Each structure stands twice: as structure tokens, then as C-alpha cells.
Amino acid sequence: MKPLLFLANAFINTFGITQPSKEAAEQSARFIAALIGLVILIVVGVALAALYLLARHP
């Protein structure tokens, strides 16, 4: 959880957002982790679809 809290705090400090409470910081860290995971899944899905389409054409 520490790397996620670091990432959340970096985001908060970069954009000048008011420092949240500890509970809110943990919640934002989980939310940011979920968004990063979603982006990774989308990128992998698009890459696999592209590879599939390229492999189908001789």
C-alpha cells in the first residue's frame, strides 16, 4: 500500500489539492490503482486485438 500512497500523495501535491485525511488518502490510492489497472487492461486488450488482426492477414 505504501507505493500507492506515495503515488496518491504525488498526484495530490502536483495538482495542489488539499491534503486529505489518512482514510481518504488510502481510498484515493485504491482508486488510482484501479484506474492504472484498467488502463493496463485496455492497452493489453487493444494490443492483443491488433496482433490477432495482423496474424489473420497473410
C-alpha atoms as a PDB file:
ATOM      1  CA  MET A   1       0.000   0.000   0.000  1.00  0.00           C
ATOM      2  CA  LYS A   2       2.943   2.369   0.534  1.00  0.00           C
ATOM      3  CA  PRO A   3       3.739   2.737  -3.195  1.00  0.00           C
ATOM      4  CA  LEU A   4       0.077   3.526  -3.856  1.00  0.00           C
ATOM      5  CA  LEU A   5       0.005   6.111  -1.076  1.00  0.00           C
ATOM      6  CA  PHE A   6       3.183   7.641  -2.488  1.00  0.00           C
ATOM      7  CA  LEU A   7       1.555   7.822  -5.920  1.00  0.00           C
ATOM      8  CA  ALA A   8      -1.618   9.344  -4.497  1.00  0.00           C
ATOM      9  CA  ASN A   9       0.335  11.921  -2.499  1.00  0.00           C
ATOM     10  CA  ALA A  10       2.447  12.783  -5.546  1.00  0.00           C
ATOM     11  CA  PHE A  11      -0.743  13.350  -7.557  1.00  0.00           C
ATOM     12  CA  ILE A  12      -2.300  15.426  -4.775  1.00  0.00           C
ATOM     13  CA  ASN A  13       0.830  17.548  -4.322  1.00  0.00           C
ATOM     14  CA  THR A  14       1.355  18.005  -8.064  1.00  0.00           C
ATOM     15  CA  PHE A  15      -2.091  19.493  -8.580  1.00  0.00           C
ATOM     16  CA  GLY A  16      -2.132  21.432  -5.304  1.00  0.00           C
ATOM     17  CA  ILE A  17      -5.092  19.606  -3.858  1.00  0.00           C
ATOM     18  CA  THR A  18      -5.713  19.983  -0.106  1.00  0.00           C
ATOM     19  CA  GLN A  19      -4.147  17.110   1.842  1.00  0.00           C
ATOM     20  CA  PRO A  20      -6.833  14.522   2.660  1.00  0.00           C
ATOM     21  CA  SER A  21      -7.248  12.577   5.879  1.00  0.00           C
ATOM     22  CA  LYS A  22      -5.483   9.230   6.208  1.00  0.00           C
ATOM     23  CA  GLU A  23      -8.651   7.310   5.309  1.00  0.00           C
ATOM     24  CA  ALA A  24      -9.321   9.478   2.291  1.00  0.00           C
ATOM     25  CA  ALA A  25      -5.698   9.124   1.159  1.00  0.00           C
ATOM     26  CA  GLU A  26      -5.986   5.327   1.311  1.00  0.00           C
ATOM     27  CA  GLN A  27      -9.252   5.453  -0.620  1.00  0.00           C
ATOM     28  CA  SER A  28      -7.717   7.676  -3.289  1.00  0.00           C
ATOM     29  CA  ALA A  29      -4.717   5.331  -3.515  1.00  0.00           C
ATOM     30  CA  ARG A  30      -7.044   2.387  -4.189  1.00  0.00           C
ATOM     31  CA  PHE A  31      -8.957   4.429  -6.764  1.00  0.00           C
ATOM     32  CA  ILE A  32      -5.760   5.438  -8.577  1.00  0.00           C
ATOM     33  CA  ALA A  33      -4.575   1.811  -8.519  1.00  0.00           C
ATOM     34  CA  ALA A  34      -7.884   0.701 -10.038  1.00  0.00           C
ATOM     35  CA  LEU A  35      -7.569   3.304 -12.797  1.00  0.00           C
ATOM     36  CA  ILE A  36      -3.994   2.248 -13.563  1.00  0.00           C
ATOM     37  CA  GLY A  37      -5.101  -1.393 -13.686  1.00  0.00           C
ATOM     38  CA  LEU A  38      -7.961  -0.505 -16.016  1.00  0.00           C
ATOM     39  CA  VAL A  39      -5.640   1.376 -18.365  1.00  0.00           C
ATOM     40  CA  ILE A  40      -3.225  -1.573 -18.425  1.00  0.00           C
ATOM     41  CA  LEU A  41      -6.072  -3.978 -19.229  1.00  0.00           C
ATOM     42  CA  ILE A  42      -7.291  -1.751 -22.050  1.00  0.00           C
ATOM     43  CA  VAL A  43      -3.799  -1.406 -23.535  1.00  0.00           C
ATOM     44  CA  VAL A  44      -3.224  -5.176 -23.363  1.00  0.00           C
ATOM     45  CA  GLY A  45      -6.650  -5.825 -24.895  1.00  0.00           C
ATOM     46  CA  VAL A  46      -6.018  -3.446 -27.799  1.00  0.00           C
ATOM     47  CA  ALA A  47      -2.556  -4.934 -28.361  1.00  0.00           C
ATOM     48  CA  LEU A  48      -3.934  -8.471 -28.410  1.00  0.00           C
ATOM     49  CA  ALA A  49      -6.718  -7.463 -30.805  1.00  0.00           C
ATOM     50  CA  ALA A  50      -4.173  -5.786 -33.090  1.00  0.00           C
ATOM     51  CA  LEU A  51      -1.921  -8.848 -33.036  1.00  0.00           C
ATOM     52  CA  TYR A  52      -4.894 -11.083 -33.797  1.00  0.00           C
ATOM     53  CA  LEU A  53      -5.934  -8.919 -36.743  1.00  0.00           C
ATOM     54  CA  LEU A  54      -2.387  -8.747 -38.079  1.00  0.00           C
ATOM     55  CA  ALA A  55      -1.942 -12.520 -37.785  1.00  0.00           C
ATOM     56  CA  ARG A  56      -5.164 -13.185 -39.727  1.00  0.00           C
ATOM     57  CA  HIS A  57      -3.935 -11.363 -42.835  1.00  0.00           C
ATOM     58  CA  PRO A  58      -1.287 -13.238 -44.829  1.00  0.00           C
END
